[in-house]
């Protein structure tokens, strides 16, 4: 429900057992805490904007425009998290020459809080990926890869908890099966674990051990696969789990006009969003809290 419609609705409604009279409406609306989630996916080393003569995306994207947009939105609401759903690397000569340094330094400058690992993060192998992480002033998250006895051991977090205005936000990451996408020698020693089983464990920790108010999955599984509906993807993840509030997706370069909602195992809504690729769009989702999430509003913004 949109915020303006919600505020109209509560004039004559009972919310969480609390009847809100008209005289108390302004007090209640002022007590709402607004958390903004900004996000990207599959930027693929696109540092510069598309040229003016590009037939599809003229003057679109680029880190300067994205940074300006992020700064403007953070001024509107300092309670903001900036997240990425993987495939930061590979796609322009910036990666070929600088091996991830430019991308991670610029993401750090823009204030990113976390990213997950896409398959293209492994294009130069585990050792070079591990070395490049020193340029990131933010966390890389993954729960369903094992990193024991590799150069990435103790460099990737399973999840991260952010406390913003006394709202606890749990964020975890999931990666796609690398077999068939990446040369085996480039990810030797890493094993892929079932995302559903791992997610269930992580979500329970975030929800019940850490008492998170909002749970976000950074997924590089892909939005959906029409040729084989049994391939693990964001839609299946949402339907086969509980207590995920938002899935920020990547890998399939899916341009959603706005986030979609689907039902989880408890028949509750899960929000899924993906903003295409190459830094052309920035996802923006606002959550409003009292004691619980009581509404959200969202849009995908052209950069």
Protein backbone atom coordinates (compact mmCIF):
# COMPACT_ATOMS: atom_id res chain seq x y z
CA UNK A 1 0.00 0.00 0.00
CA UNK A 2 1.37 3.43 -0.91
CA UNK A 3 2.04 5.82 1.93
CA UNK A 4 -0.61 8.37 0.99
CA UNK A 5 -3.24 5.63 0.59
CA UNK A 6 -2.14 4.06 3.87
CA UNK A 7 -2.56 7.30 5.77
CA UNK A 8 -6.05 7.75 4.29
CA UNK A 9 -6.88 4.15 5.18
CA UNK A 10 -5.94 4.40 8.86
CA UNK A 11 -8.47 7.18 9.50
CA UNK A 12 -11.09 4.49 9.95
CA UNK A 13 -9.04 1.34 10.44
CA UNK A 14 -7.42 -0.77 13.10
CA UNK A 15 -3.69 -1.44 12.55
CA UNK A 16 -2.02 -4.20 14.59
CA UNK A 17 -4.85 -4.02 17.12
CA UNK A 18 -4.50 -0.25 17.58
CA UNK A 19 -7.44 1.91 16.52
CA UNK A 20 -6.21 5.24 15.22
CA UNK A 21 -8.61 8.14 15.61
CA UNK A 22 -8.43 11.07 13.21
CA UNK A 23 -6.93 13.32 15.90
CA UNK A 24 -3.97 10.96 16.37
CA UNK A 25 -3.16 10.53 12.68
CA UNK A 26 -0.49 13.22 12.37
CA UNK A 27 1.31 11.99 15.48
CA UNK A 28 1.31 8.44 14.13
CA UNK A 29 2.55 9.41 10.65
CA UNK A 30 5.38 11.44 12.17
CA UNK A 31 6.49 8.41 14.17
CA UNK A 32 7.03 6.26 11.07
CA UNK A 33 10.64 5.37 10.36
CA UNK A 34 11.56 5.40 6.69
CA UNK A 35 14.36 3.13 5.46
CA UNK A 36 15.46 3.53 1.84
CA UNK A 37 17.12 0.70 -0.08
CA UNK A 38 19.03 1.71 -3.22
CA UNK A 39 20.37 -1.08 -5.38
CA UNK A 40 22.08 -2.16 -8.61
CA UNK A 41 23.00 -5.43 -10.29
CA UNK A 42 25.14 -6.61 -13.22
CA UNK A 43 26.89 -3.27 -13.71
CA UNK A 44 29.70 -5.17 -15.52
CA UNK A 45 32.45 -2.56 -15.21
CA UNK A 46 30.43 0.15 -16.98
CA UNK A 47 32.19 3.16 -15.51
CA UNK A 48 31.37 5.61 -18.30
CA UNK A 49 27.87 6.47 -19.55
CA UNK A 50 26.66 5.15 -22.88
CA UNK A 51 27.53 7.57 -25.70
CA UNK A 52 25.05 10.07 -27.08
CA UNK A 53 24.73 8.12 -30.33
CA UNK A 54 24.01 4.76 -28.69
CA UNK A 55 20.87 3.38 -30.40
CA UNK A 56 19.39 1.87 -27.21
CA UNK A 57 20.69 3.71 -24.14
CA UNK A 58 21.99 7.15 -25.21
CA UNK A 59 23.64 9.09 -22.36
CA UNK A 60 22.48 6.48 -19.84
CA UNK A 61 24.34 5.12 -16.84
CA UNK A 62 27.85 6.00 -15.72
CA UNK A 63 29.18 6.26 -12.17
CA UNK A 64 29.14 10.07 -12.08
CA UNK A 65 25.40 10.25 -12.75
CA UNK A 66 24.73 7.33 -10.39
CA UNK A 67 26.79 8.94 -7.65
CA UNK A 68 24.94 12.25 -8.04
CA UNK A 69 21.60 10.44 -7.90
CA UNK A 70 22.63 8.46 -4.81
CA UNK A 71 23.84 11.59 -3.03
CA UNK A 72 20.59 13.38 -3.82
CA UNK A 73 18.48 10.50 -2.50
CA UNK A 74 20.60 10.17 0.64
CA UNK A 75 20.03 13.86 1.36
CA UNK A 76 16.30 13.19 1.22
CA UNK A 77 16.68 10.26 3.61
CA UNK A 78 19.98 9.61 5.44
CA UNK A 79 18.55 6.24 6.58
CA UNK A 80 19.67 4.59 3.36
CA UNK A 81 21.40 1.31 2.46
CA UNK A 82 23.13 0.86 -0.91
CA UNK A 83 23.34 -2.73 -2.13
CA UNK A 84 24.45 -4.66 -5.22
CA UNK A 85 23.46 -8.12 -6.47
CA UNK A 86 26.69 -9.15 -8.19
CA UNK A 87 28.58 -9.14 -11.49
CA UNK A 88 30.37 -5.95 -10.61
CA UNK A 89 33.23 -7.12 -12.87
CA UNK A 90 33.76 -7.85 -16.57
CA UNK A 91 32.39 -6.00 -19.55
CA UNK A 92 34.71 -3.08 -20.37
CA UNK A 93 38.50 -2.53 -20.59
CA UNK A 94 38.45 -1.05 -17.08
CA UNK A 95 38.27 -4.59 -15.75
CA UNK A 96 40.72 -6.03 -18.25
CA UNK A 97 43.38 -3.46 -17.35
CA UNK A 98 42.76 -2.82 -13.64
CA UNK A 99 41.27 -6.19 -12.54
CA UNK A 100 38.51 -4.82 -10.33
CA UNK A 101 40.35 -1.99 -8.58
CA UNK A 102 38.44 0.79 -10.35
CA UNK A 103 35.00 -0.73 -9.79
CA UNK A 104 35.50 -1.40 -6.08
CA UNK A 105 37.12 1.96 -5.35
CA UNK A 106 34.25 3.79 -7.04
CA UNK A 107 31.59 1.71 -5.28
CA UNK A 108 33.31 2.54 -2.00
CA UNK A 109 33.25 6.25 -2.90
CA UNK A 110 29.53 5.99 -3.67
CA UNK A 111 28.91 4.51 -0.23
CA UNK A 112 27.86 0.96 -1.05
CA UNK A 113 27.19 -1.12 2.06
CA UNK A 114 27.23 -4.64 0.62
CA UNK A 115 27.34 -6.73 -2.55
CA UNK A 116 27.05 -10.40 -3.32
CA UNK A 117 29.32 -12.43 -5.60
CA UNK A 118 28.29 -12.87 -9.22
CA UNK A 119 29.82 -15.52 -11.47
CA UNK A 120 31.92 -12.89 -13.28
CA UNK A 121 33.65 -11.96 -10.05
CA UNK A 122 35.62 -15.20 -10.62
CA UNK A 123 36.78 -14.40 -14.16
CA UNK A 124 40.36 -13.76 -13.01
CA UNK A 125 40.36 -16.59 -10.49
CA UNK A 126 40.04 -16.81 -6.72
CA UNK A 127 43.44 -15.35 -5.87
CA UNK A 128 43.03 -12.17 -7.91
CA UNK A 129 39.47 -11.74 -6.63
CA UNK A 130 40.74 -12.02 -3.05
CA UNK A 131 43.45 -9.42 -3.70
CA UNK A 132 41.00 -6.98 -5.27
CA UNK A 133 38.73 -7.02 -2.19
CA UNK A 134 41.17 -4.71 -0.37
CA UNK A 135 39.76 -1.89 -2.51
CA UNK A 136 36.21 -2.43 -1.19
CA UNK A 137 35.16 -0.51 1.90
CA UNK A 138 32.03 -2.64 2.06
CA UNK A 139 31.18 -6.30 2.60
CA UNK A 140 30.84 -9.05 0.03
CA UNK A 141 28.20 -11.54 1.14
CA UNK A 142 27.61 -15.16 0.21
CA UNK A 143 25.97 -17.96 2.17
CA UNK A 144 25.88 -20.88 -0.26
CA UNK A 145 29.52 -21.17 -1.37
CA UNK A 146 32.22 -22.79 0.75
CA UNK A 147 35.56 -20.98 0.88
CA UNK A 148 37.56 -23.25 3.20
CA UNK A 149 41.26 -23.47 2.32
CA UNK A 150 40.96 -20.94 -0.51
CA UNK A 151 42.24 -17.38 -0.81
CA UNK A 152 38.71 -16.15 -0.06
CA UNK A 153 38.49 -17.85 3.33
CA UNK A 154 37.47 -15.29 5.99
CA UNK A 155 37.10 -12.58 3.32
CA UNK A 156 33.42 -13.20 2.47
CA UNK A 157 30.68 -12.78 5.09
CA UNK A 158 27.65 -15.06 5.18
CA UNK A 159 25.43 -12.17 6.26
CA UNK A 160 25.60 -8.66 7.65
CA UNK A 161 23.33 -6.83 10.08
CA UNK A 162 22.81 -3.07 9.76
CA UNK A 163 21.19 -1.04 12.53
CA UNK A 164 19.63 2.10 11.08
CA UNK A 165 17.51 4.35 13.32
CA UNK A 166 16.95 1.34 15.62
CA UNK A 167 15.69 -0.76 12.72
CA UNK A 168 17.71 -3.98 12.38
CA UNK A 169 18.25 -5.03 8.77
CA UNK A 170 19.68 -8.46 8.00
CA UNK A 171 21.27 -8.89 4.57
CA UNK A 172 22.62 -12.16 3.14
CA UNK A 173 23.88 -13.25 -0.28
CA UNK A 174 23.34 -16.20 -2.62
CA UNK A 175 25.32 -17.17 -5.70
CA UNK A 176 24.52 -19.21 -8.78
CA UNK A 177 25.99 -22.63 -9.53
CA UNK A 178 29.40 -21.84 -11.04
CA UNK A 179 29.80 -25.17 -12.82
CA UNK A 180 29.22 -24.55 -16.53
CA UNK A 181 29.51 -20.77 -16.17
CA UNK A 182 33.10 -20.42 -14.97
CA UNK A 183 36.19 -22.47 -15.78
CA UNK A 184 36.72 -24.93 -12.93
CA UNK A 185 40.32 -23.87 -12.37
CA UNK A 186 39.11 -20.33 -11.62
CA UNK A 187 36.94 -21.40 -8.67
CA UNK A 188 38.80 -24.52 -7.55
CA UNK A 189 38.00 -25.37 -3.93
CA UNK A 190 34.62 -23.62 -3.87
CA UNK A 191 31.52 -25.79 -3.49
CA UNK A 192 27.95 -24.78 -4.25
CA UNK A 193 25.34 -25.49 -1.56
CA UNK A 194 21.57 -25.68 -1.94
CA UNK A 195 20.20 -22.12 -1.65
CA UNK A 196 16.92 -23.16 -0.02
CA UNK A 197 18.53 -25.11 2.82
CA UNK A 198 21.16 -22.44 3.42
CA UNK A 199 18.62 -19.60 3.25
CA UNK A 200 16.36 -21.29 5.76
CA UNK A 201 19.24 -21.52 8.23
CA UNK A 202 20.43 -17.95 7.68
CA UNK A 203 16.92 -16.47 7.80
CA UNK A 204 16.17 -18.21 11.10
CA UNK A 205 19.34 -16.74 12.60
CA UNK A 206 18.51 -13.26 11.35
CA UNK A 207 14.86 -13.41 12.35
CA UNK A 208 14.92 -15.26 15.65
CA UNK A 209 18.49 -15.01 17.00
CA UNK A 210 19.23 -11.44 15.90
CA UNK A 211 15.62 -10.16 15.87
CA UNK A 212 15.95 -8.43 12.51
CA UNK A 213 13.04 -6.22 11.48
CA UNK A 214 13.80 -6.48 7.75
CA UNK A 215 15.49 -9.37 5.90
CA UNK A 216 17.01 -8.83 2.45
CA UNK A 217 18.57 -11.41 0.15
CA UNK A 218 21.14 -10.28 -2.43
CA UNK A 219 20.67 -12.97 -5.05
CA UNK A 220 22.70 -13.78 -8.13
CA UNK A 221 20.52 -16.78 -8.95
CA UNK A 222 18.53 -15.11 -11.73
CA UNK A 223 14.95 -13.87 -11.78
CA UNK A 224 13.37 -16.88 -13.55
CA UNK A 225 14.02 -19.36 -16.36
CA UNK A 226 11.13 -19.95 -18.76
CA UNK A 227 12.71 -23.01 -20.41
CA UNK A 228 13.08 -24.86 -17.12
CA UNK A 229 10.92 -23.68 -14.25
CA UNK A 230 12.75 -26.01 -11.83
CA UNK A 231 16.08 -24.16 -12.11
CA UNK A 232 16.73 -22.30 -8.87
CA UNK A 233 15.83 -18.63 -9.24
CA UNK A 234 14.45 -15.72 -7.25
CA UNK A 235 10.82 -16.70 -7.80
CA UNK A 236 11.45 -20.22 -6.47
CA UNK A 237 13.52 -18.90 -3.59
CA UNK A 238 10.66 -16.65 -2.50
CA UNK A 239 8.05 -19.40 -2.78
CA UNK A 240 10.07 -22.01 -0.89
CA UNK A 241 11.21 -19.94 2.10
CA UNK A 242 9.80 -17.89 4.96
CA UNK A 243 10.54 -14.42 6.34
CA UNK A 244 12.45 -12.90 3.41
CA UNK A 245 11.03 -9.42 2.90
CA UNK A 246 12.98 -8.38 -0.19
CA UNK A 247 15.02 -10.22 -2.83
CA UNK A 248 17.35 -7.99 -4.84
CA UNK A 249 18.26 -10.04 -7.89
CA UNK A 250 20.85 -10.25 -10.60
CA UNK A 251 22.38 -12.47 -13.31
CA UNK A 252 19.49 -12.56 -15.82
CA UNK A 253 19.68 -8.81 -16.64
CA UNK A 254 15.93 -8.56 -16.10
CA UNK A 255 14.55 -5.04 -16.58
CA UNK A 256 11.57 -4.87 -14.23
CA UNK A 257 9.49 -1.70 -14.46
CA UNK A 258 8.86 -2.04 -10.74
CA UNK A 259 9.29 -4.75 -8.10
CA UNK A 260 6.93 -7.69 -8.18
CA UNK A 261 5.26 -9.45 -5.28
CA UNK A 262 4.92 -13.19 -4.84
CA UNK A 263 3.83 -15.40 -1.93
CA UNK A 264 6.12 -17.36 0.37
CA UNK A 265 5.47 -20.62 2.22
CA UNK A 266 3.28 -18.76 4.72
CA UNK A 267 1.29 -17.03 1.96
CA UNK A 268 2.93 -13.70 2.84
CA UNK A 269 4.25 -11.24 0.29
CA UNK A 270 7.88 -11.22 -0.80
CA UNK A 271 9.13 -8.29 -2.86
CA UNK A 272 11.50 -9.10 -5.76
CA UNK A 273 13.33 -6.50 -7.81
CA UNK A 274 16.01 -6.42 -10.52
CA UNK A 275 17.07 -3.34 -12.50
CA UNK A 276 18.54 -4.82 -15.68
CA UNK A 277 22.26 -4.25 -16.19
CA UNK A 278 25.16 -1.87 -16.94
CA UNK A 279 24.17 0.74 -14.33
CA UNK A 280 21.35 2.05 -16.50
CA UNK A 281 18.85 1.99 -13.63
CA UNK A 282 18.95 2.42 -9.86
CA UNK A 283 16.40 0.57 -7.75
CA UNK A 284 14.78 2.52 -4.90
CA UNK A 285 12.55 0.91 -2.30
CA UNK A 286 11.24 2.73 0.76
CA UNK A 287 10.08 0.77 3.79
CA UNK A 288 8.06 2.47 6.52
CA UNK A 289 8.20 1.06 10.03
CA UNK A 290 6.38 1.46 13.29
CA UNK A 291 6.89 -1.75 15.27
CA UNK A 292 6.73 -3.71 12.03
CA UNK A 293 6.88 -3.08 8.30
CA UNK A 294 3.55 -1.45 7.59
CA UNK A 295 4.05 -0.40 3.99
CA UNK A 296 6.52 0.13 1.17
CA UNK A 297 6.86 2.19 -1.97
CA UNK A 298 9.24 1.59 -4.82
CA UNK A 299 10.50 2.69 -8.22
CA UNK A 300 13.30 1.91 -10.65
CA UNK A 301 14.99 5.15 -11.65
CA UNK A 302 16.72 5.77 -14.98
CA UNK A 303 20.32 6.92 -14.44
